[in-house]
């Protein structure tokens, strides 16, 4: 009888220890995962500064003389290949008017993300396809 009680005690202790170690490892995994999800403030400041740097470079390239007339700012922002050809074909975007407007828009806008990879010649006009996709009505 003593042997049965001893075996029962060993089995219960083993199960108790196994469940305790499993719970602790889960807690450690959760704390590690929660540390990954929090954004690093230094990284966010660096990313914000990097976006400001891109804005300044795009604005300098958009100034009509010498880079804006060939559409170099649009190449920098990642546009379709025909857009710089339109700038060159219209003698610098209608004699430098189009790049000057682009220059002003880039400087005055807080976020230039919606100008990146914009296929339109007039980059400051809102993309109507994106607008209709976001404003759809189900009829329900």
N, C-alpha and C. Protein backbone atom coordinates (compact mmCIF):
# COMPACT_ATOMS: atom_id res chain seq x y z
N UNK A 1 0.82 -1.19 0.00
CA UNK A 1 0.00 0.00 0.00
C UNK A 1 0.87 1.25 0.00
N UNK A 2 1.97 1.22 0.74
CA UNK A 2 2.87 2.35 0.78
C UNK A 2 3.46 2.63 -0.59
N UNK A 3 3.72 1.57 -1.35
CA UNK A 3 4.28 1.74 -2.69
C UNK A 3 3.27 2.43 -3.61
N UNK A 4 2.01 2.07 -3.48
CA UNK A 4 0.98 2.67 -4.33
C UNK A 4 0.84 4.16 -3.99
N UNK A 5 0.86 4.49 -2.73
CA UNK A 5 0.75 5.90 -2.33
C UNK A 5 1.97 6.68 -2.81
N UNK A 6 3.15 6.08 -2.71
CA UNK A 6 4.38 6.72 -3.17
C UNK A 6 4.33 6.97 -4.69
N UNK A 7 3.89 5.98 -5.45
CA UNK A 7 3.77 6.12 -6.91
C UNK A 7 2.74 7.20 -7.23
N UNK A 8 1.59 7.19 -6.53
CA UNK A 8 0.56 8.20 -6.75
C UNK A 8 1.12 9.60 -6.46
N UNK A 9 1.89 9.74 -5.37
CA UNK A 9 2.48 11.02 -5.01
C UNK A 9 3.48 11.48 -6.07
N UNK A 10 4.29 10.59 -6.60
CA UNK A 10 5.28 10.94 -7.63
C UNK A 10 4.58 11.39 -8.91
N UNK A 11 3.53 10.68 -9.29
CA UNK A 11 2.80 11.03 -10.51
C UNK A 11 2.12 12.39 -10.34
N UNK A 12 1.49 12.65 -9.23
CA UNK A 12 0.82 13.94 -9.00
C UNK A 12 1.82 15.08 -8.96
N UNK A 13 2.95 14.85 -8.32
CA UNK A 13 3.98 15.89 -8.25
C UNK A 13 4.54 16.17 -9.64
N UNK A 14 4.74 15.13 -10.41
CA UNK A 14 5.25 15.30 -11.79
C UNK A 14 4.27 16.10 -12.65
N UNK A 15 2.97 15.79 -12.54
CA UNK A 15 1.96 16.54 -13.31
C UNK A 15 1.89 17.99 -12.86
N UNK A 16 1.98 18.20 -11.55
CA UNK A 16 1.94 19.56 -11.02
C UNK A 16 3.14 20.36 -11.52
N UNK A 17 4.33 19.76 -11.48
CA UNK A 17 5.53 20.43 -11.94
C UNK A 17 5.47 20.70 -13.45
N UNK A 18 4.95 19.75 -14.21
CA UNK A 18 4.84 19.92 -15.67
C UNK A 18 3.89 21.06 -16.02
N UNK A 19 2.75 21.14 -15.33
CA UNK A 19 1.80 22.22 -15.63
C UNK A 19 2.37 23.57 -15.20
N UNK A 20 3.13 23.60 -14.12
CA UNK A 20 3.73 24.85 -13.65
C UNK A 20 4.77 25.35 -14.65
N UNK A 21 5.62 24.46 -15.15
CA UNK A 21 6.65 24.88 -16.09
C UNK A 21 6.04 25.30 -17.43
N UNK A 22 4.94 24.68 -17.85
CA UNK A 22 4.27 25.05 -19.08
C UNK A 22 3.66 26.45 -18.96
N UNK A 23 3.04 26.73 -17.81
CA UNK A 23 2.45 28.05 -17.60
C UNK A 23 3.52 29.13 -17.61
N UNK A 24 4.65 28.88 -16.99
CA UNK A 24 5.72 29.87 -16.96
C UNK A 24 6.28 30.12 -18.36
N UNK A 25 6.44 29.07 -19.15
CA UNK A 25 6.98 29.26 -20.50
C UNK A 25 5.99 30.03 -21.36
N UNK A 26 4.69 29.82 -21.15
CA UNK A 26 3.69 30.59 -21.89
C UNK A 26 3.75 32.06 -21.51
N UNK A 27 3.94 32.32 -20.23
CA UNK A 27 4.03 33.69 -19.77
C UNK A 27 5.26 34.36 -20.37
N UNK A 28 6.39 33.64 -20.43
CA UNK A 28 7.60 34.20 -21.01
C UNK A 28 7.39 34.49 -22.49
N UNK A 29 6.73 33.60 -23.21
CA UNK A 29 6.48 33.81 -24.63
C UNK A 29 5.59 35.02 -24.84
N UNK A 30 4.55 35.17 -24.01
CA UNK A 30 3.66 36.32 -24.14
C UNK A 30 4.38 37.63 -23.86
N UNK A 31 5.28 37.64 -22.87
CA UNK A 31 6.00 38.87 -22.58
C UNK A 31 6.97 39.19 -23.70
N UNK A 32 7.58 38.20 -24.30
CA UNK A 32 8.48 38.45 -25.43
C UNK A 32 7.68 38.99 -26.61
N UNK A 33 6.52 38.39 -26.91
CA UNK A 33 5.69 38.85 -28.02
C UNK A 33 5.18 40.27 -27.77
N UNK A 34 4.82 40.59 -26.54
CA UNK A 34 4.30 41.92 -26.27
C UNK A 34 5.41 42.97 -26.42
N UNK A 35 6.65 42.59 -26.16
CA UNK A 35 7.75 43.53 -26.35
C UNK A 35 7.95 43.81 -27.84
N UNK A 36 7.72 42.86 -28.69
CA UNK A 36 7.90 43.04 -30.12
C UNK A 36 6.83 43.96 -30.69
N UNK A 37 5.62 43.91 -30.19
CA UNK A 37 4.52 44.69 -30.73
C UNK A 37 4.63 46.18 -30.42
N UNK A 38 5.32 46.55 -29.37
CA UNK A 38 5.44 47.96 -29.01
C UNK A 38 6.42 48.64 -29.96
N UNK A 39 6.02 49.77 -30.55
CA UNK A 39 6.95 50.46 -31.44
C UNK A 39 8.04 51.19 -30.66
N UNK A 40 9.21 51.17 -31.20
CA UNK A 40 10.32 51.84 -30.57
C UNK A 40 10.23 53.33 -30.90
N UNK A 41 10.22 54.22 -29.90
CA UNK A 41 10.08 55.65 -30.18
C UNK A 41 11.24 56.20 -31.00
N UNK A 42 12.43 55.67 -30.81
CA UNK A 42 13.58 56.12 -31.58
C UNK A 42 13.40 55.76 -33.05
N UNK A 43 12.92 54.53 -33.31
CA UNK A 43 12.69 54.09 -34.68
C UNK A 43 11.60 54.93 -35.34
N UNK A 44 10.54 55.26 -34.62
CA UNK A 44 9.47 56.08 -35.18
C UNK A 44 9.97 57.49 -35.51
N UNK A 45 10.81 58.07 -34.66
CA UNK A 45 11.36 59.40 -34.93
C UNK A 45 12.28 59.37 -36.14
N UNK A 46 13.08 58.30 -36.26
CA UNK A 46 13.96 58.16 -37.41
C UNK A 46 13.17 58.00 -38.70
N UNK A 47 12.09 57.24 -38.63
CA UNK A 47 11.24 57.04 -39.81
C UNK A 47 10.56 58.35 -40.21
N UNK A 48 10.12 59.13 -39.23
CA UNK A 48 9.49 60.41 -39.51
C UNK A 48 10.50 61.37 -40.14
N UNK A 49 11.73 61.36 -39.63
CA UNK A 49 12.78 62.21 -40.18
C UNK A 49 13.11 61.78 -41.60
N UNK A 50 13.10 60.49 -41.87
CA UNK A 50 13.39 59.97 -43.20
C UNK A 50 12.33 60.43 -44.19
N UNK A 51 11.05 60.44 -43.78
CA UNK A 51 9.99 60.93 -44.65
C UNK A 51 10.15 62.42 -44.93
N UNK A 52 10.60 63.18 -43.95
CA UNK A 52 10.84 64.60 -44.15
C UNK A 52 11.98 64.80 -45.14
N UNK A 53 13.00 63.97 -45.05
CA UNK A 53 14.12 64.04 -45.99
C UNK A 53 13.68 63.75 -47.41
N UNK A 54 12.80 62.76 -47.57
CA UNK A 54 12.28 62.44 -48.90
C UNK A 54 11.46 63.60 -49.46
N UNK A 55 10.74 64.26 -48.58
CA UNK A 55 9.93 65.40 -49.02
C UNK A 55 10.83 66.53 -49.51
N UNK A 56 11.91 66.79 -48.81
CA UNK A 56 12.83 67.86 -49.20
C UNK A 56 13.50 67.53 -50.53
N UNK A 57 13.95 66.29 -50.68
CA UNK A 57 14.59 65.88 -51.94
C UNK A 57 13.61 65.99 -53.09
N UNK A 58 12.37 65.54 -52.90
CA UNK A 58 11.36 65.64 -53.95
C UNK A 58 11.07 67.09 -54.30
N UNK A 59 11.04 67.97 -53.30
CA UNK A 59 10.79 69.39 -53.56
C UNK A 59 11.94 70.03 -54.33
N UNK A 60 13.17 69.69 -53.99
CA UNK A 60 14.32 70.23 -54.71
C UNK A 60 14.31 69.76 -56.16
N UNK A 61 13.99 68.48 -56.36
CA UNK A 61 13.94 67.95 -57.73
C UNK A 61 12.75 68.52 -58.52
N UNK A 62 11.72 68.98 -57.82
CA UNK A 62 10.55 69.53 -58.51
C UNK A 62 10.73 70.98 -58.92
N UNK A 63 11.72 71.66 -58.38
CA UNK A 63 11.91 73.07 -58.75
C UNK A 63 12.18 73.14 -60.25
N UNK A 64 11.49 74.04 -60.95
CA UNK A 64 11.50 74.02 -62.42
C UNK A 64 12.88 73.99 -63.08
N UNK A 65 13.81 74.77 -62.59
CA UNK A 65 15.13 74.75 -63.23
C UNK A 65 16.14 74.18 -62.27
N UNK A 66 16.90 73.22 -62.61
CA UNK A 66 17.08 72.50 -63.86
C UNK A 66 16.36 71.16 -63.92
N UNK A 67 15.88 70.65 -62.75
CA UNK A 67 15.39 69.27 -62.72
C UNK A 67 13.89 69.12 -62.99
N UNK A 68 13.10 70.08 -62.60
CA UNK A 68 11.65 69.95 -62.70
C UNK A 68 11.14 69.87 -64.13
N UNK A 69 11.84 70.53 -65.06
CA UNK A 69 11.36 70.57 -66.44
C UNK A 69 11.46 69.21 -67.12
N UNK A 70 12.29 68.32 -66.61
CA UNK A 70 12.37 66.97 -67.18
C UNK A 70 11.62 65.95 -66.33
N UNK A 71 10.99 66.39 -65.25
CA UNK A 71 10.17 65.51 -64.43
C UNK A 71 10.96 64.59 -63.53
N UNK A 72 12.13 65.02 -63.11
CA UNK A 72 12.97 64.17 -62.27
C UNK A 72 12.33 63.88 -60.91
N UNK A 73 11.55 64.80 -60.40
CA UNK A 73 10.87 64.57 -59.12
C UNK A 73 9.84 63.46 -59.25
N UNK A 74 9.22 63.34 -60.40
CA UNK A 74 8.24 62.27 -60.60
C UNK A 74 8.93 60.91 -60.70
N UNK A 75 10.11 60.88 -61.30
CA UNK A 75 10.89 59.64 -61.34
C UNK A 75 11.29 59.25 -59.92
N UNK A 76 11.69 60.23 -59.12
CA UNK A 76 12.08 59.98 -57.73
C UNK A 76 10.90 59.45 -56.91
N UNK A 77 9.71 59.95 -57.17
CA UNK A 77 8.53 59.49 -56.43
C UNK A 77 7.97 58.19 -56.99
N UNK A 78 8.49 57.72 -58.11
CA UNK A 78 8.09 56.41 -58.64
C UNK A 78 6.81 56.47 -59.44
N UNK A 79 6.84 57.10 -60.58
CA UNK A 79 5.66 57.23 -61.41
C UNK A 79 5.78 56.33 -62.65
N UNK A 80 4.79 56.37 -63.49
CA UNK A 80 4.83 55.62 -64.75
C UNK A 80 5.87 56.26 -65.67
N UNK A 81 6.45 55.48 -66.60
CA UNK A 81 7.51 56.02 -67.45
C UNK A 81 7.06 57.12 -68.42
N UNK A 82 5.77 57.19 -68.74
CA UNK A 82 5.33 58.19 -69.70
C UNK A 82 5.20 59.59 -69.09
N UNK A 83 5.13 59.71 -67.78
CA UNK A 83 4.93 61.02 -67.16
C UNK A 83 6.14 61.95 -67.39
N UNK A 84 7.38 61.51 -67.17
CA UNK A 84 8.50 62.40 -67.49
C UNK A 84 8.57 62.74 -68.99
N UNK A 85 8.12 61.85 -69.83
CA UNK A 85 8.10 62.14 -71.27
C UNK A 85 7.11 63.26 -71.57
N UNK A 86 6.00 63.29 -70.83
CA UNK A 86 5.03 64.37 -71.00
C UNK A 86 5.64 65.70 -70.56
N UNK A 87 6.40 65.68 -69.47
CA UNK A 87 7.07 66.90 -69.02
C UNK A 87 8.05 67.41 -70.08
N UNK A 88 8.83 66.50 -70.64
CA UNK A 88 9.80 66.90 -71.66
C UNK A 88 9.09 67.32 -72.94
N UNK A 89 8.07 66.59 -73.34
CA UNK A 89 7.35 66.89 -74.57
C UNK A 89 6.59 68.21 -74.53
N UNK A 90 6.22 68.67 -73.39
CA UNK A 90 5.50 69.95 -73.28
C UNK A 90 6.45 71.07 -72.88
N UNK A 91 7.72 70.93 -73.25
CA UNK A 91 8.77 71.92 -72.98
C UNK A 91 8.81 72.26 -71.49
N UNK A 92 9.09 71.26 -70.73
CA UNK A 92 9.23 71.45 -69.28
C UNK A 92 7.92 71.60 -68.56
N UNK A 93 6.92 70.87 -68.97
CA UNK A 93 5.63 70.94 -68.29
C UNK A 93 4.98 72.28 -68.48
N UNK A 94 4.69 72.64 -69.74
CA UNK A 94 4.10 73.92 -70.14
C UNK A 94 4.98 75.07 -69.64
N UNK A 95 6.23 75.05 -70.11
CA UNK A 95 7.22 76.10 -69.82
C UNK A 95 7.50 76.27 -68.33
N UNK A 96 7.49 75.17 -67.59
CA UNK A 96 7.85 75.20 -66.18
C UNK A 96 6.72 75.46 -65.22
N UNK A 97 5.50 75.61 -65.72
CA UNK A 97 4.36 75.87 -64.82
C UNK A 97 4.00 74.62 -64.03
N UNK A 98 3.95 73.48 -64.72
CA UNK A 98 3.58 72.22 -64.05
C UNK A 98 4.58 71.83 -62.97
N UNK A 99 5.90 71.88 -63.23
CA UNK A 99 6.83 71.56 -62.14
C UNK A 99 6.78 72.57 -60.99
N UNK A 100 6.47 73.84 -61.28
CA UNK A 100 6.38 74.82 -60.21
C UNK A 100 5.17 74.52 -59.31
N UNK A 101 4.07 74.11 -59.92
CA UNK A 101 2.89 73.73 -59.11
C UNK A 101 3.21 72.49 -58.29
N UNK A 102 3.90 71.52 -58.91
CA UNK A 102 4.32 70.32 -58.16
C UNK A 102 5.22 70.70 -56.99
N UNK A 103 6.14 71.63 -57.22
CA UNK A 103 7.05 72.10 -56.18
C UNK A 103 6.27 72.68 -55.00
N UNK A 104 5.31 73.54 -55.30
CA UNK A 104 4.50 74.17 -54.25
C UNK A 104 3.66 73.14 -53.50
N UNK A 105 3.07 72.20 -54.23
CA UNK A 105 2.21 71.19 -53.60
C UNK A 105 3.04 70.29 -52.69
N UNK A 106 4.21 69.90 -53.13
CA UNK A 106 5.06 69.03 -52.30
C UNK A 106 5.50 69.77 -51.04
N UNK A 107 5.84 71.04 -51.16
CA UNK A 107 6.27 71.79 -49.98
C UNK A 107 5.13 72.04 -48.99
N UNK A 108 3.93 72.30 -49.50
CA UNK A 108 2.82 72.66 -48.62
C UNK A 108 2.09 71.46 -48.02
N UNK A 109 2.20 70.31 -48.64
CA UNK A 109 1.50 69.13 -48.14
C UNK A 109 2.31 68.48 -47.03
N UNK A 110 1.63 68.05 -45.96
CA UNK A 110 2.33 67.43 -44.83
C UNK A 110 2.80 66.02 -45.14
N UNK A 111 2.03 65.28 -45.93
CA UNK A 111 2.36 63.89 -46.24
C UNK A 111 2.40 63.71 -47.74
N UNK A 112 3.51 63.23 -48.26
CA UNK A 112 3.63 63.05 -49.71
C UNK A 112 3.43 61.59 -50.12
N UNK A 113 2.91 60.77 -49.22
CA UNK A 113 2.72 59.35 -49.53
C UNK A 113 1.77 59.13 -50.70
N UNK A 114 0.73 59.96 -50.83
CA UNK A 114 -0.22 59.75 -51.92
C UNK A 114 0.31 60.25 -53.26
N UNK A 115 1.47 60.89 -53.27
CA UNK A 115 2.10 61.27 -54.54
C UNK A 115 3.05 60.19 -55.04
N UNK A 116 3.42 59.27 -54.18
CA UNK A 116 4.32 58.20 -54.59
C UNK A 116 3.58 57.22 -55.47
N UNK A 117 4.22 56.83 -56.55
CA UNK A 117 3.68 55.89 -57.54
C UNK A 117 2.34 56.37 -58.10
N UNK A 118 2.20 57.66 -58.25
CA UNK A 118 0.98 58.25 -58.81
C UNK A 118 1.14 58.32 -60.33
N UNK A 119 0.29 57.62 -61.10
CA UNK A 119 0.47 57.56 -62.55
C UNK A 119 -0.08 58.76 -63.31
N UNK A 120 -0.72 59.70 -62.64
CA UNK A 120 -1.35 60.83 -63.31
C UNK A 120 -0.33 61.93 -63.62
N UNK A 121 -0.55 62.64 -64.70
CA UNK A 121 0.33 63.75 -65.06
C UNK A 121 0.17 64.87 -64.03
N UNK A 122 -1.07 65.16 -63.66
CA UNK A 122 -1.33 66.14 -62.60
C UNK A 122 -1.41 65.37 -61.29
N UNK A 123 -0.30 65.31 -60.57
CA UNK A 123 -0.23 64.44 -59.39
C UNK A 123 -1.06 64.94 -58.22
N UNK A 124 -1.42 66.18 -58.19
CA UNK A 124 -2.17 66.73 -57.06
C UNK A 124 -3.66 66.49 -57.17
N UNK A 125 -4.16 66.06 -58.34
CA UNK A 125 -5.57 65.74 -58.49
C UNK A 125 -5.81 64.37 -57.88
N UNK A 126 -6.88 64.26 -57.09
CA UNK A 126 -7.16 63.00 -56.39
C UNK A 126 -7.44 61.89 -57.38
N UNK A 127 -7.02 60.70 -57.00
CA UNK A 127 -7.26 59.53 -57.82
C UNK A 127 -8.72 59.12 -57.68
N UNK A 128 -9.48 59.22 -58.75
CA UNK A 128 -10.92 58.95 -58.70
C UNK A 128 -11.22 57.46 -58.48
N UNK A 129 -10.37 56.56 -58.96
CA UNK A 129 -10.63 55.13 -58.77
C UNK A 129 -10.52 54.76 -57.30
N UNK A 130 -9.55 55.31 -56.60
CA UNK A 130 -9.42 55.03 -55.16
C UNK A 130 -10.60 55.63 -54.41
N UNK A 131 -11.04 56.81 -54.84
CA UNK A 131 -12.14 57.48 -54.16
C UNK A 131 -13.44 56.69 -54.30
N UNK A 132 -13.71 56.15 -55.49
CA UNK A 132 -14.94 55.38 -55.68
C UNK A 132 -14.88 54.04 -54.96
N UNK A 133 -13.69 53.46 -54.83
CA UNK A 133 -13.57 52.20 -54.10
C UNK A 133 -13.87 52.39 -52.63
N UNK A 134 -13.47 53.49 -52.05
CA UNK A 134 -13.69 53.71 -50.62
C UNK A 134 -15.10 54.20 -50.32
N UNK A 135 -15.78 54.80 -51.30
CA UNK A 135 -17.09 55.35 -51.05
C UNK A 135 -18.20 54.53 -51.72
N UNK A 136 -18.06 53.23 -51.78
CA UNK A 136 -19.08 52.39 -52.38
C UNK A 136 -20.25 52.22 -51.43
N UNK A 137 -21.44 52.01 -51.98
CA UNK A 137 -22.64 51.86 -51.19
C UNK A 137 -23.26 50.52 -51.51
N UNK A 138 -23.52 49.70 -50.48
CA UNK A 138 -24.07 48.36 -50.68
C UNK A 138 -25.55 48.37 -51.01
N UNK A 139 -26.28 49.36 -50.59
CA UNK A 139 -27.71 49.43 -50.80
C UNK A 139 -28.50 48.71 -49.73
N UNK A 140 -27.87 48.38 -48.64
CA UNK A 140 -28.55 47.68 -47.55
C UNK A 140 -29.15 48.65 -46.59
